Amino acid sequence: MPEVRATVRRRRLGRELEMLRHARKLTLEDAAILLMRPKTSLSKIENGKQQLRVRDVPFILDKYELDDPARREEIMALASKAAERDWWQKFQGVVRDPFADYLSLEESATLIFKWSPLLIPGWLQTEAYARHVVAASRMWQTEEEIDKFVALRMKRKTTVLDREEPPQVWVVLSEMAVRQRVGAPDMQVMKEQLEHLKDVAADRGRPHVQIVLLPYLAGEHAGLEGAFTWMRFDSGPEVICLEALTSAQYLEDEDEVARYAIAADHLRSAAQSPRDTITTLGKIIKEL
């Protein structure tokens, strides 16, 4: 199989296969002989740099003597996901490789915690708000590029909040994020954005989504170092994402993830309750 760009999905699958190999106490050379594959091919698969056909995975699991049905099912599901065409490929030209990795993680997460101190998160934005934010970044050269990235951001709403079996979503927003004025001086863009945010926060049809506000009066807090997203999955390590407009860095070291998880707990504790957040959003809307 040809070498391809290492994606998050392929890296996660490769890491699972590597763990199984280590559990059997096999060297890369031993495993290559056992699986009747070139050593270089197996190395690329474990590094996520070579596509693995789904139909080949059961053979590998058999050779690695994996008998646990649930574990086999998890790895087969991961292999199927790794082979799928990403929905965001149609937005080619505005999605860079690191951001594609982020979207892949976001799509497969079972829990997403997001601390957003400056802006409303992308999948909670209205189209008008998103357009002003994207245009203000000066990252895009043409209106067509802006249109395409805004369309991508709107699509993320369904892939995160409204997909089948959606993740548990916790969003902690700073008061600065909801008071930062975006759009025309008449505040219509901000009014619509905050109304939308309030509606999502109060939507009983989305019990998996919790939105809370961290007020100015909370003082110093655990999120002063900047925005982050913490994701958990059915299998594989948890990930911390540091997201920019068109790129993202992700951290998987257990100690680093643990520190961010503690910060997330402190932020939730310092924030208003979901009910009080809805009340505060209503007051801010009236002030505009």
Protein backbone atom coordinates (compact mmCIF):
# COMPACT_ATOMS: atom_id res chain seq x y z
CA MET A 1 0.00 0.00 0.00
CA PRO A 2 1.29 3.51 -0.74
CA GLU A 3 2.50 5.78 2.03
CA VAL A 4 -0.02 8.49 2.92
CA ARG A 5 -0.12 11.48 5.22
CA ALA A 6 -0.32 10.35 8.85
CA THR A 7 -3.73 11.35 10.18
CA VAL A 8 -4.99 11.17 13.74
CA ARG A 9 -7.22 8.21 12.90
CA ARG A 10 -4.39 6.23 11.32
CA ARG A 11 -2.00 7.11 14.13
CA ARG A 12 -4.53 5.95 16.71
CA LEU A 13 -5.06 2.67 14.87
CA GLY A 14 -1.31 2.21 14.50
CA ARG A 15 -0.77 2.87 18.18
CA GLU A 16 -3.35 0.23 19.12
CA LEU A 17 -1.65 -2.34 16.88
CA GLU A 18 1.73 -1.42 18.29
CA MET A 19 0.42 -1.95 21.84
CA LEU A 20 -0.86 -5.40 20.85
CA ARG A 21 2.54 -6.24 19.37
CA HIS A 22 4.29 -5.17 22.57
CA ALA A 23 1.83 -7.23 24.63
CA ARG A 24 2.99 -10.27 22.64
CA LYS A 25 6.61 -9.20 23.31
CA LEU A 26 7.30 -9.17 19.58
CA THR A 27 9.97 -7.05 17.95
CA LEU A 28 9.07 -5.26 14.75
CA GLU A 29 11.11 -7.86 12.85
CA ASP A 30 9.31 -10.78 14.56
CA ALA A 31 5.90 -9.27 13.89
CA ALA A 32 6.72 -8.59 10.25
CA ILE A 33 7.55 -12.28 9.77
CA LEU A 34 4.43 -13.36 11.67
CA LEU A 35 2.18 -11.07 9.60
CA MET A 36 4.01 -11.78 6.35
CA ARG A 37 4.63 -8.08 5.77
CA PRO A 38 7.79 -6.12 5.11
CA LYS A 39 9.20 -4.56 8.28
CA THR A 40 9.06 -1.10 6.67
CA SER A 41 5.37 -1.57 5.84
CA LEU A 42 4.48 -2.57 9.40
CA SER A 43 6.46 0.37 10.78
CA LYS A 44 4.54 2.79 8.54
CA ILE A 45 1.22 1.27 9.60
CA GLU A 46 2.11 1.71 13.28
CA ASN A 47 3.14 5.32 12.61
CA GLY A 48 -0.10 6.03 10.73
CA LYS A 49 1.75 6.67 7.46
CA GLN A 50 0.30 3.75 5.51
CA GLN A 51 -3.37 2.97 4.93
CA LEU A 52 -4.41 -0.45 6.28
CA ARG A 53 -7.26 -2.23 4.54
CA VAL A 54 -10.08 -3.04 6.94
CA ARG A 55 -10.26 -6.61 5.64
CA ASP A 56 -6.64 -7.18 6.74
CA VAL A 57 -7.23 -6.23 10.37
CA PRO A 58 -8.87 -9.49 11.62
CA PHE A 59 -5.84 -11.44 10.38
CA ILE A 60 -3.52 -9.17 12.38
CA LEU A 61 -5.69 -9.48 15.49
CA ASP A 62 -5.70 -13.28 15.13
CA LYS A 63 -1.92 -13.39 14.80
CA TYR A 64 -1.57 -11.14 17.85
CA GLU A 65 -3.90 -13.56 19.69
CA LEU A 66 -6.46 -10.92 20.64
CA ASP A 67 -9.49 -12.91 21.81
CA ASP A 68 -11.44 -10.23 23.69
CA PRO A 69 -14.56 -9.60 21.53
CA ALA A 70 -15.10 -6.06 22.84
CA ARG A 71 -11.49 -5.08 22.22
CA ARG A 72 -11.58 -6.57 18.73
CA GLU A 73 -14.75 -4.63 18.00
CA GLU A 74 -13.14 -1.37 19.17
CA ILE A 75 -10.12 -1.86 16.93
CA MET A 76 -12.26 -2.85 13.95
CA ALA A 77 -14.37 0.29 14.44
CA LEU A 78 -11.19 2.38 14.58
CA ALA A 79 -9.92 0.72 11.39
CA SER A 80 -13.20 1.47 9.62
CA LYS A 81 -13.03 5.10 10.68
CA ALA A 82 -9.39 5.35 9.53
CA ALA A 83 -10.44 4.16 6.06
CA GLU A 84 -13.35 6.59 5.69
CA ARG A 85 -13.22 9.68 3.52
CA ASP A 86 -13.28 12.74 5.76
CA TRP A 87 -16.35 14.97 5.35
CA TRP A 88 -14.16 18.10 5.38
CA GLN A 89 -12.20 17.10 2.26
CA LYS A 90 -14.66 19.09 0.18
CA PHE A 91 -13.32 22.18 1.97
CA GLN A 92 -9.85 21.57 0.56
CA GLY A 93 -7.85 24.78 0.43
CA VAL A 94 -9.09 26.16 3.76
CA VAL A 95 -8.33 23.13 5.95
CA ARG A 96 -4.64 22.64 6.75
CA ASP A 97 -3.32 19.22 7.85
CA PRO A 98 -3.11 19.95 11.62
CA PHE A 99 -6.65 21.34 11.60
CA ALA A 100 -7.85 18.25 9.72
CA ASP A 101 -6.39 16.19 12.56
CA TYR A 102 -8.34 18.32 15.03
CA LEU A 103 -11.59 17.80 13.12
CA SER A 104 -10.96 14.06 13.09
CA LEU A 105 -10.53 14.04 16.87
CA GLU A 106 -13.59 16.20 17.37
CA GLU A 107 -15.70 13.87 15.24
CA SER A 108 -14.81 10.73 17.21
CA ALA A 109 -14.76 12.16 20.76
CA THR A 110 -17.19 10.92 23.40
CA LEU A 111 -16.53 13.91 25.66
CA ILE A 112 -15.46 17.43 24.70
CA PHE A 113 -14.58 20.05 27.29
CA LYS A 114 -13.80 23.48 25.86
CA TRP A 115 -12.48 26.52 27.70
CA SER A 116 -12.99 29.58 25.49
CA PRO A 117 -11.83 32.87 27.03
CA LEU A 118 -12.03 35.16 23.99
CA LEU A 119 -14.64 33.94 21.48
CA ILE A 120 -17.77 31.86 21.17
CA PRO A 121 -16.59 28.36 20.04
CA GLY A 122 -16.92 27.65 16.31
CA TRP A 123 -19.75 25.12 16.60
CA LEU A 124 -21.81 27.54 18.70
CA GLN A 125 -21.42 30.49 16.33
CA THR A 126 -24.11 31.95 14.11
CA GLU A 127 -23.18 32.37 10.47
CA ALA A 128 -23.05 36.18 10.73
CA TYR A 129 -20.82 36.08 13.81
CA ALA A 130 -18.54 33.48 12.20
CA ARG A 131 -18.21 35.57 9.04
CA HIS A 132 -17.06 38.65 10.97
CA VAL A 133 -14.60 36.63 13.06
CA VAL A 134 -13.11 34.83 10.05
CA ALA A 135 -12.86 38.03 7.98
CA ALA A 136 -11.25 39.91 10.88
CA SER A 137 -8.50 37.30 11.16
CA ARG A 138 -7.02 38.50 7.82
CA MET A 139 -6.05 34.86 7.14
CA TRP A 140 -8.10 34.67 3.95
CA GLN A 141 -7.34 36.39 0.66
CA THR A 142 -10.72 36.22 -1.08
CA GLU A 143 -14.43 36.26 -0.30
CA GLU A 144 -14.61 32.73 -1.70
CA GLU A 145 -12.14 31.50 0.92
CA ILE A 146 -14.09 33.24 3.67
CA ASP A 147 -17.34 31.70 2.42
CA LYS A 148 -15.76 28.25 2.36
CA PHE A 149 -14.37 28.45 5.87
CA VAL A 150 -17.62 29.82 7.28
CA ALA A 151 -19.46 26.92 5.58
CA LEU A 152 -17.02 24.51 7.23
CA ARG A 153 -17.68 26.09 10.61
CA MET A 154 -21.44 25.77 10.14
CA LYS A 155 -21.03 22.11 9.16
CA ARG A 156 -19.13 21.45 12.39
CA LYS A 157 -22.33 22.18 14.34
CA THR A 158 -23.95 19.01 13.05
CA THR A 159 -20.82 16.88 13.35
CA VAL A 160 -20.36 17.87 17.01
CA LEU A 161 -23.69 18.82 18.58
CA ASP A 162 -26.28 16.99 16.51
CA ARG A 163 -24.69 13.81 15.21
CA GLU A 164 -25.93 10.36 16.13
CA GLU A 165 -24.54 9.40 19.53
CA PRO A 166 -23.18 12.92 20.19
CA PRO A 167 -20.42 13.55 22.71
CA GLN A 168 -20.97 14.99 26.14
CA VAL A 169 -20.08 18.66 25.67
CA TRP A 170 -19.00 21.06 28.39
CA VAL A 171 -18.27 24.65 27.36
CA VAL A 172 -16.91 27.21 29.81
CA LEU A 173 -17.01 30.74 28.40
CA SER A 174 -15.42 33.75 29.98
CA GLU A 175 -17.57 36.84 30.38
CA MET A 176 -15.11 38.53 28.01
CA ALA A 177 -16.07 36.07 25.25
CA VAL A 178 -19.76 36.98 25.41
CA ARG A 179 -19.15 40.71 25.81
CA GLN A 180 -16.54 41.05 23.03
CA ARG A 181 -18.38 43.10 20.39
CA VAL A 182 -18.37 41.49 16.97
CA GLY A 183 -20.21 42.91 13.97
CA ALA A 184 -21.86 46.24 13.17
CA PRO A 185 -22.31 49.01 15.77
CA ASP A 186 -26.05 48.30 15.96
CA MET A 187 -25.12 45.11 17.85
CA GLN A 188 -27.54 43.02 15.79
CA VAL A 189 -24.88 40.35 15.11
CA MET A 190 -24.09 40.09 18.82
CA LYS A 191 -27.74 40.02 19.82
CA GLU A 192 -28.43 37.16 17.41
CA GLN A 193 -25.29 35.32 18.55
CA LEU A 194 -26.10 35.59 22.25
CA GLU A 195 -29.74 34.65 21.64
CA HIS A 196 -28.53 31.55 19.79
CA LEU A 197 -26.10 30.72 22.60
CA LYS A 198 -28.86 31.15 25.17
CA ASP A 199 -31.21 28.94 23.15
CA VAL A 200 -28.63 26.14 22.90
CA ALA A 201 -27.86 26.42 26.62
CA ALA A 202 -31.58 26.12 27.46
CA ASP A 203 -32.40 23.46 24.84
CA ARG A 204 -33.78 20.40 26.65
CA GLY A 205 -33.43 18.49 23.39
CA ARG A 206 -29.66 18.71 23.84
CA PRO A 207 -29.11 17.36 27.36
CA HIS A 208 -25.59 16.39 26.34
CA VAL A 209 -24.59 20.07 26.00
CA GLN A 210 -23.74 22.17 29.06
CA ILE A 211 -22.75 25.83 28.66
CA VAL A 212 -21.56 27.82 31.66
CA LEU A 213 -20.18 31.32 32.10
CA LEU A 214 -17.12 32.35 34.11
CA PRO A 215 -17.82 35.94 35.27
CA TYR A 216 -15.29 38.70 35.69
CA LEU A 217 -15.91 38.59 39.45
CA ALA A 218 -14.44 35.09 39.60
CA GLY A 219 -11.04 36.78 39.67
CA GLU A 220 -7.89 34.81 38.91
CA HIS A 221 -8.66 31.29 37.71
CA ALA A 222 -7.17 28.13 36.20
CA GLY A 223 -7.70 29.22 32.61
CA LEU A 224 -5.62 32.37 32.51
CA GLU A 225 -2.91 30.71 30.39
CA GLY A 226 -5.24 30.39 27.39
CA ALA A 227 -7.91 28.37 25.60
CA PHE A 228 -7.86 24.59 25.40
CA THR A 229 -10.05 21.61 24.51
CA TRP A 230 -9.98 18.29 26.34
CA MET A 231 -11.29 15.23 24.49
CA ARG A 232 -12.01 11.69 25.60
CA PHE A 233 -12.67 8.67 23.36
CA ASP A 234 -14.06 5.15 23.51
CA SER A 235 -10.53 3.83 23.09
CA GLY A 236 -7.07 5.32 23.06
CA PRO A 237 -5.54 8.14 25.12
CA GLU A 238 -7.29 11.36 25.99
CA VAL A 239 -6.11 14.43 24.08
CA ILE A 240 -5.68 18.13 24.83
CA CYS A 241 -6.10 20.37 21.78
CA LEU A 242 -4.74 23.88 21.49
CA GLU A 243 -6.71 25.22 18.53
CA ALA A 244 -5.94 28.23 16.34
CA LEU A 245 -7.96 29.46 13.36
CA THR A 246 -6.57 27.03 10.79
CA SER A 247 -4.30 24.75 12.80
CA ALA A 248 -4.12 22.85 16.06
CA GLN A 249 -1.57 21.29 18.37
CA TYR A 250 -2.55 18.28 20.43
CA LEU A 251 -1.02 16.78 23.56
CA GLU A 252 -1.37 13.14 24.59
CA ASP A 253 1.15 12.77 27.41
CA GLU A 254 -0.73 11.46 30.47
CA ASP A 255 0.78 14.00 32.87
CA GLU A 256 -0.03 16.92 30.57
CA VAL A 257 -3.59 15.71 30.04
CA ALA A 258 -4.03 15.26 33.80
CA ARG A 259 -2.96 18.85 34.46
CA TYR A 260 -5.44 20.19 31.92
CA ALA A 261 -8.19 17.94 33.33
CA ILE A 262 -7.61 19.46 36.77
CA ALA A 263 -7.77 22.94 35.23
CA ALA A 264 -11.07 21.99 33.57
CA ASP A 265 -12.52 20.90 36.93
CA HIS A 266 -11.44 24.18 38.54
CA LEU A 267 -12.98 26.19 35.71
CA ARG A 268 -16.30 24.37 36.01
CA SER A 269 -16.29 24.92 39.76
CA ALA A 270 -15.60 28.64 39.39
CA ALA A 271 -18.23 29.18 36.68
CA GLN A 272 -21.91 29.93 37.14
CA SER A 273 -24.43 27.10 37.04
CA PRO A 274 -26.11 26.38 33.66
CA ARG A 275 -29.31 28.01 34.94
CA ASP A 276 -27.54 31.14 36.20
CA THR A 277 -25.63 31.30 32.91
CA ILE A 278 -28.91 31.46 30.96
CA THR A 279 -30.09 34.28 33.25
CA THR A 280 -26.83 36.21 32.81
CA LEU A 281 -26.95 35.84 29.02
CA GLY A 282 -30.48 37.27 29.06
CA LYS A 283 -29.28 40.30 31.05
CA ILE A 284 -26.35 40.91 28.68
CA ILE A 285 -28.67 40.72 25.66
CA LYS A 286 -30.90 43.40 27.20
CA GLU A 287 -27.87 45.65 27.71
CA LEU A 288 -26.95 45.63 23.99
